[in-house]
Amino acid sequence: MNDSPADSPAILTAAGAIPLVESIRAEVARVLVGQDEVVHQVLCAFLAGGHVLLEGVPGLGKTLLVKALAKTFSGSFGRVQFTPDLMPADVMGHALFDPRTQTFVIRRGPVFTHLLLADEINRAPAKTQSALLEVMQEQQVTIEGESHPVPSPFMVLATQNPLEQEGTYPLPEAQLDRFLLKVRLDYPSEAEEIAMTSTVTRAAAAGDKLDVATVNAVVTPEQVRSLRAAAAGVSLDDKVLEYAVRLVRATRSNPGLAVGAGPRGSLSLVRVARARALLESRDFVLPEDVKAAAIPVLRHRVTPTPEMEIEGRSRDRILLDLIEKVPAPRQ
């Protein structure tokens, strides 16, 4: 592939990016019934150039979402089913000796793709989970001491089973911090489930799922890189930036949290707020963008105190109370 991360994206203003963003969202909506907020958050991470951790029970359309998103820019799609016996080389690749040429050749793993779905990531041991750290952060894989860049744009979408399920391992904190967002998927509403069931059962081909055949490619990988540059350039007032930092810093002194978010939380919150503004067809960030992004950005970066866990207070509830107490700047 010639989509090198070193390629410089073409200059694209926020005004020029908005129609392209709308076209991507419209194509994904062709096959995703319900889960509007999940789609919105995943697109925010996509525009911000970050990775997403999806948590929810099976059968809620996670694979369909990733496939549809990849098809909107003719991107490649890879899927790895994480299991207890999965080794790092199964994901990254390895050197293989070729007896005909008497040399070692590199066999690239499924991570060499635009969008990687790491399914049930917390069913694999920490060693394999941690193997994703370099590629998530550096956009490259080291095999036998040699660095190999992955295609650009690159994004990992990992699914995680609730930790109370049998056979799961907690993700290392360093890896959790590499995910820009942690997105929770819930069951669809009754109306959404009726619409989905009607759509699937009306399909000519027998089956129990939607497909991405109707999704069109509306942008190129190069344009996606331009969209990310445009999102990073969305106007951000100093007072809104300071508000984002205050929210993150408040997690470190909150009595309900044993561990607060680090500086990466502030950086991530600003990145997502800018991408959200672009998704809302604006070229400037509002305090509401920061508020809307705060919980998915911070929920995996904080740890409740044992007392809060005993009382059954969730991270989301603690963060929601915190957000209400931190004053937002007036527009």
Protein backbone atom coordinates (compact mmCIF):
# COMPACT_ATOMS: atom_id res chain seq x y z
CA MET A 1 0.00 0.00 0.00
CA ASN A 2 1.18 3.49 -0.70
CA ASP A 3 -0.73 5.18 2.10
CA SER A 4 2.35 6.16 4.04
CA PRO A 5 1.88 8.06 7.32
CA ALA A 6 4.59 10.41 6.09
CA ASP A 7 2.36 11.70 3.29
CA SER A 8 1.29 15.27 4.00
CA PRO A 9 -2.48 15.77 3.81
CA ALA A 10 -3.84 18.40 1.46
CA ILE A 11 -4.95 21.62 3.11
CA LEU A 12 -8.69 21.54 3.86
CA THR A 13 -10.63 24.17 5.78
CA ALA A 14 -13.34 23.29 8.27
CA ALA A 15 -15.94 24.69 5.86
CA GLY A 16 -14.64 22.42 3.12
CA ALA A 17 -14.51 19.43 5.47
CA ILE A 18 -18.11 19.65 6.70
CA PRO A 19 -19.76 18.27 3.50
CA LEU A 20 -17.31 15.35 3.43
CA VAL A 21 -18.00 14.57 7.08
CA GLU A 22 -21.73 14.64 6.42
CA SER A 23 -21.35 12.24 3.48
CA ILE A 24 -19.41 9.75 5.64
CA ARG A 25 -22.05 9.88 8.36
CA ALA A 26 -24.86 9.44 5.82
CA GLU A 27 -23.25 6.34 4.32
CA VAL A 28 -22.69 4.70 7.70
CA ALA A 29 -26.32 5.45 8.60
CA ARG A 30 -27.43 3.37 5.60
CA VAL A 31 -26.74 0.14 7.48
CA LEU A 32 -26.65 1.13 11.17
CA VAL A 33 -30.10 1.16 12.75
CA GLY A 34 -30.08 2.92 16.10
CA GLN A 35 -26.89 3.43 18.13
CA ASP A 36 -26.76 7.02 16.86
CA GLU A 37 -24.68 8.24 19.80
CA VAL A 38 -22.23 5.36 19.39
CA VAL A 39 -21.79 6.17 15.70
CA HIS A 40 -21.31 9.83 16.57
CA GLN A 41 -18.60 9.06 19.12
CA VAL A 42 -16.77 6.64 16.82
CA LEU A 43 -16.78 9.24 14.04
CA CYS A 44 -15.38 11.79 16.51
CA ALA A 45 -12.48 9.44 17.26
CA PHE A 46 -12.04 8.73 13.54
CA LEU A 47 -11.73 12.44 12.77
CA ALA A 48 -9.48 13.02 15.77
CA GLY A 49 -7.16 10.21 14.71
CA GLY A 50 -7.70 8.17 17.88
CA HIS A 51 -8.65 4.64 18.89
CA VAL A 52 -11.89 3.42 20.45
CA LEU A 53 -12.66 0.83 23.11
CA LEU A 54 -16.21 -0.47 22.67
CA GLU A 55 -17.87 -2.21 25.60
CA GLY A 56 -21.09 -4.14 25.28
CA VAL A 57 -22.66 -7.52 24.79
CA PRO A 58 -22.30 -9.29 21.41
CA GLY A 59 -24.72 -8.68 18.58
CA LEU A 60 -25.06 -4.90 18.75
CA GLY A 61 -23.49 -4.11 15.36
CA LYS A 62 -19.86 -3.41 16.24
CA THR A 63 -18.40 -5.34 13.29
CA LEU A 64 -20.96 -3.83 10.92
CA LEU A 65 -20.01 -0.33 12.06
CA VAL A 66 -16.30 -0.88 11.43
CA LYS A 67 -16.89 -2.46 8.02
CA ALA A 68 -19.21 0.36 6.97
CA LEU A 69 -16.74 3.02 8.10
CA ALA A 70 -13.90 1.34 6.19
CA LYS A 71 -16.00 1.17 3.03
CA THR A 72 -16.73 4.92 3.10
CA PHE A 73 -13.09 5.62 2.17
CA SER A 74 -12.26 2.34 0.35
CA GLY A 75 -10.12 1.40 3.33
CA SER A 76 -8.94 -2.06 4.27
CA PHE A 77 -10.52 -3.84 7.20
CA GLY A 78 -8.98 -6.43 9.49
CA ARG A 79 -10.46 -8.42 12.35
CA VAL A 80 -8.67 -10.36 15.07
CA GLN A 81 -10.56 -12.57 17.50
CA PHE A 82 -8.65 -12.33 20.77
CA THR A 83 -8.42 -15.62 22.67
CA PRO A 84 -6.39 -16.81 25.68
CA ASP A 85 -3.86 -18.57 23.41
CA LEU A 86 -3.39 -15.67 20.96
CA MET A 87 0.28 -14.66 20.64
CA PRO A 88 1.66 -11.18 19.77
CA ALA A 89 3.05 -12.52 16.48
CA ASP A 90 -0.46 -13.62 15.48
CA VAL A 91 -1.46 -9.95 15.49
CA MET A 92 1.72 -8.12 14.45
CA GLY A 93 3.40 -10.60 12.15
CA HIS A 94 6.72 -12.42 12.27
CA ALA A 95 9.88 -13.30 10.37
CA LEU A 96 9.69 -16.58 8.46
CA PHE A 97 12.68 -18.48 7.07
CA ASP A 98 12.38 -19.21 3.35
CA PRO A 99 14.42 -22.35 2.56
CA ARG A 100 14.40 -21.59 -1.16
CA THR A 101 16.18 -18.25 -0.80
CA GLN A 102 17.87 -19.06 2.51
CA THR A 103 16.66 -15.73 3.90
CA PHE A 104 14.11 -14.53 6.41
CA VAL A 105 11.00 -12.86 5.01
CA ILE A 106 8.51 -10.75 6.93
CA ARG A 107 4.98 -12.07 7.09
CA ARG A 108 2.78 -9.17 8.09
CA GLY A 109 -0.05 -9.72 10.54
CA PRO A 110 -3.64 -8.51 10.35
CA VAL A 111 -2.66 -5.24 12.07
CA PHE A 112 -1.46 -3.96 8.68
CA THR A 113 -4.80 -2.48 7.69
CA HIS A 114 -6.65 0.82 7.87
CA LEU A 115 -9.26 -0.21 10.45
CA LEU A 116 -8.52 -3.04 12.85
CA LEU A 117 -11.31 -4.62 14.87
CA ALA A 118 -9.74 -6.24 17.95
CA ASP A 119 -12.67 -8.37 19.02
CA GLU A 120 -12.99 -9.30 22.70
CA ILE A 121 -9.57 -7.85 23.42
CA ASN A 122 -9.78 -8.61 27.12
CA ARG A 123 -9.98 -12.35 26.53
CA ALA A 124 -6.26 -12.38 25.63
CA PRO A 125 -3.49 -12.20 28.26
CA ALA A 126 -1.72 -8.91 29.00
CA LYS A 127 1.32 -9.79 26.86
CA THR A 128 -0.79 -9.95 23.72
CA GLN A 129 -2.88 -6.94 24.66
CA SER A 130 0.28 -4.91 25.19
CA ALA A 131 1.57 -5.88 21.76
CA LEU A 132 -0.87 -3.33 20.35
CA LEU A 133 0.70 -0.46 22.29
CA GLU A 134 3.43 0.42 19.79
CA VAL A 135 1.22 0.38 16.73
CA MET A 136 -1.54 2.36 18.48
CA GLN A 137 0.92 5.04 19.53
CA GLU A 138 3.56 5.03 16.80
CA GLN A 139 1.59 3.79 13.76
CA GLN A 140 4.31 1.21 13.13
CA VAL A 141 5.27 -2.35 14.03
CA THR A 142 8.75 -3.56 14.88
CA ILE A 143 9.55 -7.07 13.62
CA GLU A 144 13.06 -8.45 14.08
CA GLY A 145 14.35 -4.97 14.91
CA GLU A 146 12.94 -3.38 11.75
CA SER A 147 10.10 -0.84 11.79
CA HIS A 148 7.21 -1.28 9.38
CA PRO A 149 4.59 1.51 9.08
CA VAL A 150 0.93 0.57 8.95
CA PRO A 151 -1.39 2.11 6.32
CA SER A 152 -2.69 5.61 6.95
CA PRO A 153 -5.27 6.45 8.16
CA PHE A 154 -5.05 3.79 10.88
CA MET A 155 -7.49 3.13 13.70
CA VAL A 156 -8.03 0.37 16.26
CA LEU A 157 -11.55 -0.36 17.43
CA ALA A 158 -11.40 -2.88 20.24
CA THR A 159 -14.41 -4.59 21.76
CA GLN A 160 -14.40 -5.53 25.42
CA ASN A 161 -16.69 -7.81 27.35
CA PRO A 162 -17.85 -6.62 30.77
CA LEU A 163 -15.20 -7.67 33.30
CA GLU A 164 -17.66 -9.69 35.33
CA GLN A 165 -17.88 -12.21 32.48
CA GLU A 166 -15.87 -15.40 32.83
CA GLY A 167 -12.50 -15.65 31.06
CA THR A 168 -11.68 -11.93 30.85
CA TYR A 169 -8.47 -10.11 31.75
CA PRO A 170 -8.33 -6.43 32.75
CA LEU A 171 -6.57 -4.26 30.19
CA PRO A 172 -3.22 -2.77 31.30
CA GLU A 173 -3.58 0.87 32.37
CA ALA A 174 -0.97 1.97 29.81
CA GLN A 175 -3.06 0.46 27.03
CA LEU A 176 -6.34 1.86 28.32
CA ASP A 177 -4.78 5.32 28.19
CA ARG A 178 -3.99 4.84 24.49
CA PHE A 179 -7.69 4.65 23.66
CA LEU A 180 -9.08 8.08 22.89
CA LEU A 181 -12.61 7.04 23.86
CA LYS A 182 -14.35 4.28 25.73
CA VAL A 183 -17.80 3.89 24.22
CA ARG A 184 -20.58 1.88 25.84
CA LEU A 185 -23.12 0.10 23.66
CA ASP A 186 -26.55 -0.63 25.05
CA TYR A 187 -29.49 -2.54 23.67
CA PRO A 188 -31.50 -0.65 21.02
CA SER A 189 -34.83 0.87 21.86
CA GLU A 190 -37.97 -1.05 20.97
CA ALA A 191 -38.62 1.14 17.91
CA GLU A 192 -35.02 0.73 16.73
CA GLU A 193 -35.12 -3.03 17.20
CA ILE A 194 -38.37 -3.26 15.25
CA ALA A 195 -36.86 -1.20 12.41
CA MET A 196 -33.70 -3.34 12.37
CA THR A 197 -35.66 -6.61 12.42
CA SER A 198 -37.90 -5.38 9.62
CA THR A 199 -34.93 -4.32 7.48
CA VAL A 200 -33.02 -7.58 7.92
CA THR A 201 -35.97 -9.92 7.40
CA ARG A 202 -37.02 -8.02 4.25
CA ALA A 203 -33.62 -8.66 2.66
CA ALA A 204 -33.62 -10.94 -0.36
CA ALA A 205 -30.75 -13.07 0.95
CA ALA A 206 -31.39 -15.31 3.91
CA GLY A 207 -29.54 -14.38 7.05
CA ASP A 208 -29.78 -12.60 10.35
CA LYS A 209 -27.63 -9.53 9.79
CA LEU A 210 -27.23 -6.42 7.67
CA ASP A 211 -24.40 -6.03 5.21
CA VAL A 212 -22.43 -3.10 3.83
CA ALA A 213 -23.23 -3.65 0.13
CA THR A 214 -25.19 -0.40 -0.01
CA VAL A 215 -22.40 1.70 1.52
CA ASN A 216 -20.53 3.84 -1.02
CA ALA A 217 -16.98 5.13 -0.93
CA VAL A 218 -17.34 8.91 -0.64
CA VAL A 219 -13.79 9.94 0.29
CA THR A 220 -10.26 8.66 -0.23
CA PRO A 221 -7.63 7.78 2.41
CA GLU A 222 -5.83 11.00 1.48
CA GLN A 223 -9.02 13.00 2.10
CA VAL A 224 -9.43 11.30 5.49
CA ARG A 225 -5.97 12.56 6.44
CA SER A 226 -7.07 16.02 5.28
CA LEU A 227 -10.24 15.75 7.37
CA ARG A 228 -8.16 14.91 10.43
CA ALA A 229 -5.97 17.93 9.81
CA ALA A 230 -9.09 20.10 9.44
CA ALA A 231 -10.52 18.75 12.71
CA ALA A 232 -7.25 19.52 14.50
CA GLY A 233 -7.48 23.08 13.20
CA VAL A 234 -11.02 23.83 14.42
CA SER A 235 -11.01 27.12 16.33
CA LEU A 236 -10.79 26.80 20.10
CA ASP A 237 -11.14 29.77 22.43
CA ASP A 238 -8.65 29.92 25.30
CA LYS A 239 -11.47 29.92 27.85
CA VAL A 240 -12.92 26.71 26.39
CA LEU A 241 -9.49 25.09 26.45
CA GLU A 242 -9.03 26.12 30.08
CA TYR A 243 -12.47 24.68 30.87
CA ALA A 244 -11.44 21.31 29.39
CA VAL A 245 -8.26 21.28 31.48
CA ARG A 246 -10.19 22.22 34.64
CA LEU A 247 -12.58 19.31 34.09
CA VAL A 248 -9.69 16.85 33.83
CA ARG A 249 -7.83 18.32 36.80
CA ALA A 250 -11.02 18.09 38.88
CA THR A 251 -10.88 14.30 38.60
CA ARG A 252 -7.63 14.33 40.57
CA SER A 253 -9.15 15.99 43.64
CA ASN A 254 -12.59 14.38 43.54
CA PRO A 255 -13.25 12.46 46.78
CA GLY A 256 -15.04 9.70 44.88
CA LEU A 257 -12.05 8.92 42.66
CA ALA A 258 -8.94 7.14 43.87
CA VAL A 259 -7.11 7.86 40.59
CA GLY A 260 -7.79 10.85 38.37
CA ALA A 261 -7.01 11.39 34.69
CA GLY A 262 -3.51 12.41 33.62
CA PRO A 263 -2.49 15.12 31.14
CA ARG A 264 -3.31 12.81 28.23
CA GLY A 265 -6.92 13.22 29.33
CA SER A 266 -6.77 16.98 28.70
CA LEU A 267 -5.20 16.46 25.28
CA SER A 268 -7.79 13.86 24.35
CA LEU A 269 -10.71 15.96 25.54
CA VAL A 270 -9.64 18.89 23.37
CA ARG A 271 -9.07 16.64 20.34
CA VAL A 272 -12.50 15.07 20.62
CA ALA A 273 -14.24 18.40 21.27
CA ARG A 274 -12.74 19.77 18.05
CA ALA A 275 -13.85 16.72 16.07
CA ARG A 276 -17.33 16.93 17.59
CA ALA A 277 -17.63 20.56 16.53
CA LEU A 278 -16.82 19.54 12.96
CA LEU A 279 -19.44 16.78 13.12
CA GLU A 280 -21.93 19.40 14.27
CA SER A 281 -21.07 21.48 11.17
CA ARG A 282 -19.18 24.15 13.08
CA ASP A 283 -15.67 25.54 12.71
CA PHE A 284 -15.40 26.47 16.39
CA VAL A 285 -15.69 24.59 19.69
CA LEU A 286 -18.42 25.30 22.25
CA PRO A 287 -18.32 24.36 25.95
CA GLU A 288 -21.11 21.89 25.12
CA ASP A 289 -18.67 19.97 22.89
CA VAL A 290 -16.33 19.57 25.84
CA LYS A 291 -19.17 18.46 28.12
CA ALA A 292 -20.47 15.92 25.62
CA ALA A 293 -17.01 14.44 25.12
CA ALA A 294 -16.00 14.34 28.79
CA ILE A 295 -17.50 11.02 29.90
CA PRO A 296 -16.34 8.82 26.96
CA VAL A 297 -12.92 10.48 27.13
CA LEU A 298 -12.47 10.12 30.90
CA ARG A 299 -14.41 7.01 32.02
CA HIS A 300 -11.47 4.67 31.34
CA ARG A 301 -8.87 7.05 32.79
CA VAL A 302 -10.27 7.28 36.34
CA THR A 303 -10.69 4.79 39.18
CA PRO A 304 -13.46 5.09 41.77
CA THR A 305 -12.62 4.70 45.46
CA PRO A 306 -13.56 1.37 47.09
CA GLU A 307 -16.31 3.18 49.00
CA MET A 308 -17.91 4.36 45.77
CA GLU A 309 -17.75 0.86 44.31
CA ILE A 310 -19.36 -0.61 47.42
CA GLU A 311 -22.15 1.96 47.13
CA GLY A 312 -22.60 1.02 43.48
CA ARG A 313 -21.71 4.47 42.17
CA SER A 314 -20.54 4.09 38.59
CA ARG A 315 -17.70 6.04 37.01
CA ASP A 316 -20.19 7.70 34.69
CA ARG A 317 -22.32 8.90 37.62
CA ILE A 318 -19.28 10.28 39.45
CA LEU A 319 -18.08 12.06 36.31
CA LEU A 320 -21.54 13.45 35.59
CA ASP A 321 -21.69 14.96 39.09
CA LEU A 322 -18.19 16.39 38.61
CA ILE A 323 -19.11 17.96 35.25
CA GLU A 324 -22.10 19.68 36.83
CA LYS A 325 -19.89 21.23 39.53
CA VAL A 326 -17.20 22.67 37.21
CA PRO A 327 -18.48 25.99 35.83
CA ALA A 328 -18.42 26.31 32.06
CA PRO A 329 -17.44 29.60 30.39
CA ARG A 330 -20.29 31.76 29.17
CA GLN A 331 -20.56 32.08 25.43
